[in-house]
PDB file of N, CA and C in Angstrom:
ATOM      1  N   MET A   1      38.433  33.607  93.877  1.00  0.00           N
ATOM      2  CA  MET A   1      37.008  33.703  94.271  1.00  0.00           C
ATOM      3  C   MET A   1      36.355  32.025  94.772  1.00  0.00           C
ATOM      4  N   GLU A   2      36.127  31.629  96.044  1.00  0.00           N
ATOM      5  CA  GLU A   2      35.625  30.599  96.489  1.00  0.00           C
ATOM      6  C   GLU A   2      34.214  30.649  96.787  1.00  0.00           C
ATOM      7  N   THR A   3      33.650  29.656  96.654  1.00  0.00           N
ATOM      8  CA  THR A   3      32.219  29.457  96.920  1.00  0.00           C
ATOM      9  C   THR A   3      31.718  28.051  98.014  1.00  0.00           C
ATOM     10  N   PHE A   4      30.964  28.208  98.455  1.00  0.00           N
ATOM     11  CA  PHE A   4      30.417  26.938  99.495  1.00  0.00           C
ATOM     12  C   PHE A   4      29.406  27.201 100.098  1.00  0.00           C
ATOM     13  N   GLU A   5      28.405  26.343 100.660  1.00  0.00           N
ATOM     14  CA  GLU A   5      27.330  26.316 100.752  1.00  0.00           C
ATOM     15  C   GLU A   5      27.287  26.236 102.505  1.00  0.00           C
ATOM     16  N   THR A   6      26.563  27.136 103.363  1.00  0.00           N
ATOM     17  CA  THR A   6      26.574  27.308 104.548  1.00  0.00           C
ATOM     18  C   THR A   6      24.899  27.687 104.939  1.00  0.00           C
ATOM     19  N   LYS A   7      24.560  27.090 106.490  1.00  0.00           N
ATOM     20  CA  LYS A   7      23.628  27.963 106.963  1.00  0.00           C
ATOM     21  C   LYS A   7      24.164  28.804 108.084  1.00  0.00           C
ATOM     22  N   PRO A   8      23.116  30.112 108.214  1.00  0.00           N
ATOM     23  CA  PRO A   8      23.526  31.233 108.962  1.00  0.00           C
ATOM     24  C   PRO A   8      23.114  30.786 110.234  1.00  0.00           C
ATOM     25  N   GLU A   9      23.868  30.993 111.187  1.00  0.00           N
ATOM     26  CA  GLU A   9      23.515  31.164 112.645  1.00  0.00           C
ATOM     27  C   GLU A   9      23.144  32.112 113.205  1.00  0.00           C
ATOM     28  N   GLN A  10      22.295  31.791 114.272  1.00  0.00           N
ATOM     29  CA  GLN A  10      21.750  33.022 115.149  1.00  0.00           C
ATOM     30  C   GLN A  10      22.822  33.590 115.906  1.00  0.00           C
ATOM     31  N   TRP A  11      23.073  34.933 116.104  1.00  0.00           N
ATOM     32  CA  TRP A  11      24.422  35.719 116.808  1.00  0.00           C
ATOM     33  C   TRP A  11      23.617  36.823 117.516  1.00  0.00           C
ATOM     34  N   GLY A  12      23.109  36.517 118.588  1.00  0.00           N
ATOM     35  CA  GLY A  12      22.146  37.682 119.196  1.00  0.00           C
ATOM     36  C   GLY A  12      21.021  37.810 118.517  1.00  0.00           C
ATOM     37  N   SER A  13      20.931  39.243 118.042  1.00  0.00           N
ATOM     38  CA  SER A  13      19.932  39.543 117.014  1.00  0.00           C
ATOM     39  C   SER A  13      20.460  39.601 115.603  1.00  0.00           C
ATOM     40  N   SER A  14      21.454  39.147 115.446  1.00  0.00           N
ATOM     41  CA  SER A  14      22.045  39.073 113.960  1.00  0.00           C
ATOM     42  C   SER A  14      22.060  37.386 113.505  1.00  0.00           C
ATOM     43  N   LEU A  15      22.998  37.460 112.284  1.00  0.00           N
ATOM     44  CA  LEU A  15      23.311  36.425 111.929  1.00  0.00           C
ATOM     45  C   LEU A  15      24.659  35.959 111.560  1.00  0.00           C
ATOM     46  N   ARG A  16      25.372  34.992 111.505  1.00  0.00           N
ATOM     47  CA  ARG A  16      26.773  34.823 111.138  1.00  0.00           C
ATOM     48  C   ARG A  16      26.815  33.394 110.413  1.00  0.00           C
ATOM     49  N   VAL A  17      28.055  33.624 109.674  1.00  0.00           N
ATOM     50  CA  VAL A  17      28.460  32.476 108.926  1.00  0.00           C
ATOM     51  C   VAL A  17      29.834  32.313 109.640  1.00  0.00           C
ATOM     52  N   ILE A  18      29.931  30.736 109.037  1.00  0.00           N
ATOM     53  CA  ILE A  18      31.525  30.515 109.718  1.00  0.00           C
ATOM     54  C   ILE A  18      32.102  30.376 108.443  1.00  0.00           C
ATOM     55  N   PHE A  19      33.261  30.587 108.327  1.00  0.00           N
ATOM     56  CA  PHE A  19      34.153  29.797 107.028  1.00  0.00           C
ATOM     57  C   PHE A  19      35.003  28.957 107.083  1.00  0.00           C
ATOM     58  N   PRO A  20      34.977  28.172 106.117  1.00  0.00           N
ATOM     59  CA  PRO A  20      35.829  26.793 106.174  1.00  0.00           C
ATOM     60  C   PRO A  20      36.766  27.215 106.063  1.00  0.00           C
ATOM     61  N   LYS A  21      37.791  26.460 106.840  1.00  0.00           N
ATOM     62  CA  LYS A  21      39.473  26.905 107.201  1.00  0.00           C
ATOM     63  C   LYS A  21      40.105  26.750 106.251  1.00  0.00           C
ATOM     64  N   HIS A  22      39.309  25.971 105.063  1.00  0.00           N
ATOM     65  CA  HIS A  22      40.580  25.956 103.616  1.00  0.00           C
ATOM     66  C   HIS A  22      40.280  27.054 103.079  1.00  0.00           C
ATOM     67  N   ILE A  23      39.175  27.990 102.882  1.00  0.00           N
ATOM     68  CA  ILE A  23      39.160  28.847 102.447  1.00  0.00           C
ATOM     69  C   ILE A  23      39.653  29.832 103.398  1.00  0.00           C
ATOM     70  N   VAL A  24      39.697  30.232 104.356  1.00  0.00           N
ATOM     71  CA  VAL A  24      40.365  31.056 105.189  1.00  0.00           C
ATOM     72  C   VAL A  24      41.793  31.047 104.648  1.00  0.00           C
ATOM     73  N   GLU A  25      42.501  29.916 104.763  1.00  0.00           N
ATOM     74  CA  GLU A  25      44.046  29.752 104.443  1.00  0.00           C
ATOM     75  C   GLU A  25      43.948  30.514 103.205  1.00  0.00           C
ATOM     76  N   LYS A  26      43.247  29.579 102.309  1.00  0.00           N
ATOM     77  CA  LYS A  26      43.628  30.017 100.973  1.00  0.00           C
ATOM     78  C   LYS A  26      43.626  31.285 100.297  1.00  0.00           C
ATOM     79  N   GLN A  27      42.525  32.101 101.172  1.00  0.00           N
ATOM     80  CA  GLN A  27      42.133  33.195 100.383  1.00  0.00           C
ATOM     81  C   GLN A  27      42.901  34.455 101.906  1.00  0.00           C
ATOM     82  N   HIS A  28      43.700  33.903 102.854  1.00  0.00           N
ATOM     83  CA  HIS A  28      44.879  34.851 103.499  1.00  0.00           C
ATOM     84  C   HIS A  28      43.420  35.545 103.966  1.00  0.00           C
ATOM     85  N   LEU A  29      42.550  35.281 104.552  1.00  0.00           N
ATOM     86  CA  LEU A  29      41.381  35.952 105.692  1.00  0.00           C
ATOM     87  C   LEU A  29      41.677  36.049 106.798  1.00  0.00           C
ATOM     88  N   THR A  30      41.897  37.477 107.485  1.00  0.00           N
ATOM     89  CA  THR A  30      41.840  37.596 109.139  1.00  0.00           C
ATOM     90  C   THR A  30      41.141  38.607 109.352  1.00  0.00           C
ATOM     91  N   PRO A  31      41.303  38.792 110.644  1.00  0.00           N
ATOM     92  CA  PRO A  31      40.238  39.394 111.154  1.00  0.00           C
ATOM     93  C   PRO A  31      40.223  41.085 110.640  1.00  0.00           C
ATOM     94  N   ASN A  32      38.985  41.787 110.717  1.00  0.00           N
ATOM     95  CA  ASN A  32      39.196  43.051 110.068  1.00  0.00           C
ATOM     96  C   ASN A  32      39.697  43.120 108.500  1.00  0.00           C
ATOM     97  N   LYS A  33      39.803  42.202 107.891  1.00  0.00           N
ATOM     98  CA  LYS A  33      40.207  42.225 106.622  1.00  0.00           C
ATOM     99  C   LYS A  33      38.805  42.424 105.976  1.00  0.00           C
ATOM    100  N   LYS A  34      39.027  43.436 105.069  1.00  0.00           N
ATOM    101  CA  LYS A  34      37.542  43.524 104.003  1.00  0.00           C
ATOM    102  C   LYS A  34      37.580  42.619 103.091  1.00  0.00           C
ATOM    103  N   ILE A  35      36.303  41.953 102.963  1.00  0.00           N
ATOM    104  CA  ILE A  35      36.120  40.835 101.635  1.00  0.00           C
ATOM    105  C   ILE A  35      34.642  41.544 101.263  1.00  0.00           C
ATOM    106  N   VAL A  36      34.375  40.713  99.872  1.00  0.00           N
ATOM    107  CA  VAL A  36      32.970  41.119  99.566  1.00  0.00           C
ATOM    108  C   VAL A  36      32.242  39.550  99.491  1.00  0.00           C
ATOM    109  N   VAL A  37      31.392  39.584 100.124  1.00  0.00           N
ATOM    110  CA  VAL A  37      30.525  38.774 100.083  1.00  0.00           C
ATOM    111  C   VAL A  37      29.019  38.808  99.305  1.00  0.00           C
ATOM    112  N   CYS A  38      28.500  37.562  98.323  1.00  0.00           N
ATOM    113  CA  CYS A  38      27.352  37.880  97.551  1.00  0.00           C
ATOM    114  C   CYS A  38      26.370  36.685  98.154  1.00  0.00           C
ATOM    115  N   VAL A  39      25.504  37.185  98.308  1.00  0.00           N
ATOM    116  CA  VAL A  39      24.521  35.970  98.996  1.00  0.00           C
ATOM    117  C   VAL A  39      23.521  35.484  98.041  1.00  0.00           C
ATOM    118  N   LEU A  40      23.567  34.454  98.004  1.00  0.00           N
ATOM    119  CA  LEU A  40      22.362  34.027  96.978  1.00  0.00           C
ATOM    120  C   LEU A  40      21.709  32.610  97.890  1.00  0.00           C
ATOM    121  N   ASN A  41      20.401  32.981  97.963  1.00  0.00           N
ATOM    122  CA  ASN A  41      19.678  32.112  98.530  1.00  0.00           C
ATOM    123  C   ASN A  41      19.239  30.730  97.618  1.00  0.00           C
ATOM    124  N   GLN A  42      19.090  29.443  98.526  1.00  0.00           N
ATOM    125  CA  GLN A  42      18.760  28.109  97.572  1.00  0.00           C
ATOM    126  C   GLN A  42      17.430  28.379  96.852  1.00  0.00           C
ATOM    127  N   THR A  43      16.409  28.814  96.778  1.00  0.00           N
ATOM    128  CA  THR A  43      15.683  29.220  95.972  1.00  0.00           C
ATOM    129  C   THR A  43      16.280  30.013  94.723  1.00  0.00           C
ATOM    130  N   ALA A  44      16.870  31.036  94.847  1.00  0.00           N
ATOM    131  CA  ALA A  44      17.410  31.533  93.160  1.00  0.00           C
ATOM    132  C   ALA A  44      18.083  30.694  93.018  1.00  0.00           C
ATOM    133  N   THR A  45      19.147  29.866  93.509  1.00  0.00           N
ATOM    134  CA  THR A  45      19.906  28.810  92.637  1.00  0.00           C
ATOM    135  C   THR A  45      19.356  27.625  92.155  1.00  0.00           C
ATOM    136  N   GLU A  46      18.092  27.070  93.152  1.00  0.00           N
ATOM    137  CA  GLU A  46      17.770  25.907  92.270  1.00  0.00           C
ATOM    138  C   GLU A  46      16.605  26.651  90.896  1.00  0.00           C
ATOM    139  N   ASN A  47      16.265  27.867  91.041  1.00  0.00           N
ATOM    140  CA  ASN A  47      15.423  28.509  89.634  1.00  0.00           C
ATOM    141  C   ASN A  47      16.307  28.501  88.811  1.00  0.00           C
ATOM    142  N   ALA A  48      17.619  29.031  88.968  1.00  0.00           N
ATOM    143  CA  ALA A  48      18.595  28.965  87.764  1.00  0.00           C
ATOM    144  C   ALA A  48      19.208  27.801  86.919  1.00  0.00           C
ATOM    145  N   ARG A  49      18.924  26.548  88.480  1.00  0.00           N
ATOM    146  CA  ARG A  49      19.524  25.361  87.339  1.00  0.00           C
ATOM    147  C   ARG A  49      18.580  25.191  87.008  1.00  0.00           C
ATOM    148  N   LYS A  50      16.916  25.514  87.505  1.00  0.00           N
ATOM    149  CA  LYS A  50      15.735  24.597  86.343  1.00  0.00           C
ATOM    150  C   LYS A  50      15.878  25.479  85.407  1.00  0.00           C
ATOM    151  N   SER A  51      16.042  26.701  84.797  1.00  0.00           N
ATOM    152  CA  SER A  51      15.669  27.313  83.818  1.00  0.00           C
ATOM    153  C   SER A  51      16.787  27.200  82.675  1.00  0.00           C
ATOM    154  N   VAL A  52      17.875  26.147  82.862  1.00  0.00           N
ATOM    155  CA  VAL A  52      19.190  26.109  82.208  1.00  0.00           C
ATOM    156  C   VAL A  52      18.165  24.933  81.222  1.00  0.00           C
ATOM    157  N   GLY A  53      18.228  25.377  79.972  1.00  0.00           N
ATOM    158  CA  GLY A  53      17.766  24.366  78.622  1.00  0.00           C
ATOM    159  C   GLY A  53      16.576  24.525  78.534  1.00  0.00           C
ATOM    160  N   MET A  54      15.707  25.592  79.228  1.00  0.00           N
ATOM    161  CA  MET A  54      14.018  25.770  79.156  1.00  0.00           C
ATOM    162  C   MET A  54      13.343  26.453  77.676  1.00  0.00           C
ATOM    163  N   LEU A  55      14.592  27.154  77.398  1.00  0.00           N
ATOM    164  CA  LEU A  55      14.650  28.188  76.136  1.00  0.00           C
ATOM    165  C   LEU A  55      14.334  27.356  74.901  1.00  0.00           C
ATOM    166  N   LYS A  56      13.568  27.473  74.001  1.00  0.00           N
ATOM    167  CA  LYS A  56      13.299  26.336  72.900  1.00  0.00           C
ATOM    168  C   LYS A  56      13.337  27.044  71.695  1.00  0.00           C
ATOM    169  N   LEU A  57      14.252  26.679  70.893  1.00  0.00           N
ATOM    170  CA  LEU A  57      14.785  27.570  69.879  1.00  0.00           C
ATOM    171  C   LEU A  57      14.082  26.874  68.352  1.00  0.00           C
ATOM    172  N   LYS A  58      14.047  27.987  67.616  1.00  0.00           N
ATOM    173  CA  LYS A  58      13.441  26.951  66.196  1.00  0.00           C
ATOM    174  C   LYS A  58      14.524  26.413  65.379  1.00  0.00           C
ATOM    175  N   ARG A  59      15.676  27.409  65.472  1.00  0.00           N
ATOM    176  CA  ARG A  59      16.883  26.319  65.211  1.00  0.00           C
ATOM    177  C   ARG A  59      18.185  25.440  66.010  1.00  0.00           C
ATOM    178  N   SER A  60      18.627  24.589  65.381  1.00  0.00           N
ATOM    179  CA  SER A  60      19.226  23.906  66.104  1.00  0.00           C
ATOM    180  C   SER A  60      20.449  25.037  66.496  1.00  0.00           C
ATOM    181  N   THR A  61      21.289  24.611  67.844  1.00  0.00           N
ATOM    182  CA  THR A  61      22.300  25.063  68.079  1.00  0.00           C
ATOM    183  C   THR A  61      23.448  25.122  66.760  1.00  0.00           C
ATOM    184  N   GLN A  62      23.724  23.753  65.985  1.00  0.00           N
ATOM    185  CA  GLN A  62      24.632  23.871  65.569  1.00  0.00           C
ATOM    186  C   GLN A  62      24.099  25.073  63.756  1.00  0.00           C
ATOM    187  N   GLU A  63      22.766  25.147  63.938  1.00  0.00           N
ATOM    188  CA  GLU A  63      22.608  25.879  62.659  1.00  0.00           C
ATOM    189  C   GLU A  63      22.849  27.513  62.991  1.00  0.00           C
ATOM    190  N   ILE A  64      22.910  27.530  64.217  1.00  0.00           N
ATOM    191  CA  ILE A  64      22.968  28.961  64.924  1.00  0.00           C
ATOM    192  C   ILE A  64      24.333  29.260  64.563  1.00  0.00           C
ATOM    193  N   LEU A  65      25.290  28.000  64.832  1.00  0.00           N
ATOM    194  CA  LEU A  65      26.571  28.766  64.958  1.00  0.00           C
ATOM    195  C   LEU A  65      27.112  28.484  63.366  1.00  0.00           C
ATOM    196  N   ASP A  66      26.414  27.909  62.303  1.00  0.00           N
ATOM    197  CA  ASP A  66      26.801  27.907  61.160  1.00  0.00           C
ATOM    198  C   ASP A  66      26.521  29.324  60.700  1.00  0.00           C
ATOM    199  N   HIS A  67      25.265  29.922  60.821  1.00  0.00           N
ATOM    200  CA  HIS A  67      25.055  30.944  60.237  1.00  0.00           C
ATOM    201  C   HIS A  67      25.856  32.354  60.980  1.00  0.00           C
ATOM    202  N   GLY A  68      26.432  32.049  61.963  1.00  0.00           N
ATOM    203  CA  GLY A  68      27.354  32.920  62.720  1.00  0.00           C
ATOM    204  C   GLY A  68      28.620  32.759  61.676  1.00  0.00           C
ATOM    205  N   ASP A  69      29.088  31.701  61.631  1.00  0.00           N
ATOM    206  CA  ASP A  69      30.118  31.510  60.634  1.00  0.00           C
ATOM    207  C   ASP A  69      30.355  31.915  59.171  1.00  0.00           C
ATOM    208  N   GLU A  70      29.099  31.998  58.697  1.00  0.00           N
ATOM    209  CA  GLU A  70      28.947  32.656  57.496  1.00  0.00           C
ATOM    210  C   GLU A  70      28.861  34.082  57.550  1.00  0.00           C
ATOM    211  N   GLU A  71      28.118  34.774  58.478  1.00  0.00           N
ATOM    212  CA  GLU A  71      28.061  36.202  58.629  1.00  0.00           C
ATOM    213  C   GLU A  71      29.963  36.752  59.049  1.00  0.00           C
ATOM    214  N   THR A  72      30.757  35.632  59.608  1.00  0.00           N
ATOM    215  CA  THR A  72      31.625  36.464  59.843  1.00  0.00           C
ATOM    216  C   THR A  72      32.556  36.304  58.617  1.00  0.00           C
ATOM    217  N   ASP A  73      32.329  35.228  57.611  1.00  0.00           N
ATOM    218  CA  ASP A  73      33.522  35.018  56.187  1.00  0.00           C
ATOM    219  C   ASP A  73      32.552  35.863  55.519  1.00  0.00           C
ATOM    220  N   GLU A  74      31.457  36.828  55.672  1.00  0.00           N
ATOM    221  CA  GLU A  74      31.106  37.764  54.691  1.00  0.00           C
ATOM    222  C   GLU A  74      32.000  38.991  54.647  1.00  0.00           C
ATOM    223  N   SER A  75      32.177  39.287  56.106  1.00  0.00           N
ATOM    224  CA  SER A  75      32.836  40.425  56.511  1.00  0.00           C
ATOM    225  C   SER A  75      34.597  40.530  55.952  1.00  0.00           C
TER     226      SER A  75
END
């Protein structure tokens, strides 16, 4: 899987995206070869990055891990 940032270009009444050469070569892309494209707009990506670390827990991460270890030991 490869990821890259780009801006769609107007192409008639549609939009097109041009793939970087290194990705085309690495993934052996050719005309008419089916691929899957996942589109994430800038806002969705920025919101995901901002939300990391926002969850405030009552216990520290280490306490949660230790509790998980205790439950595993009891099994």
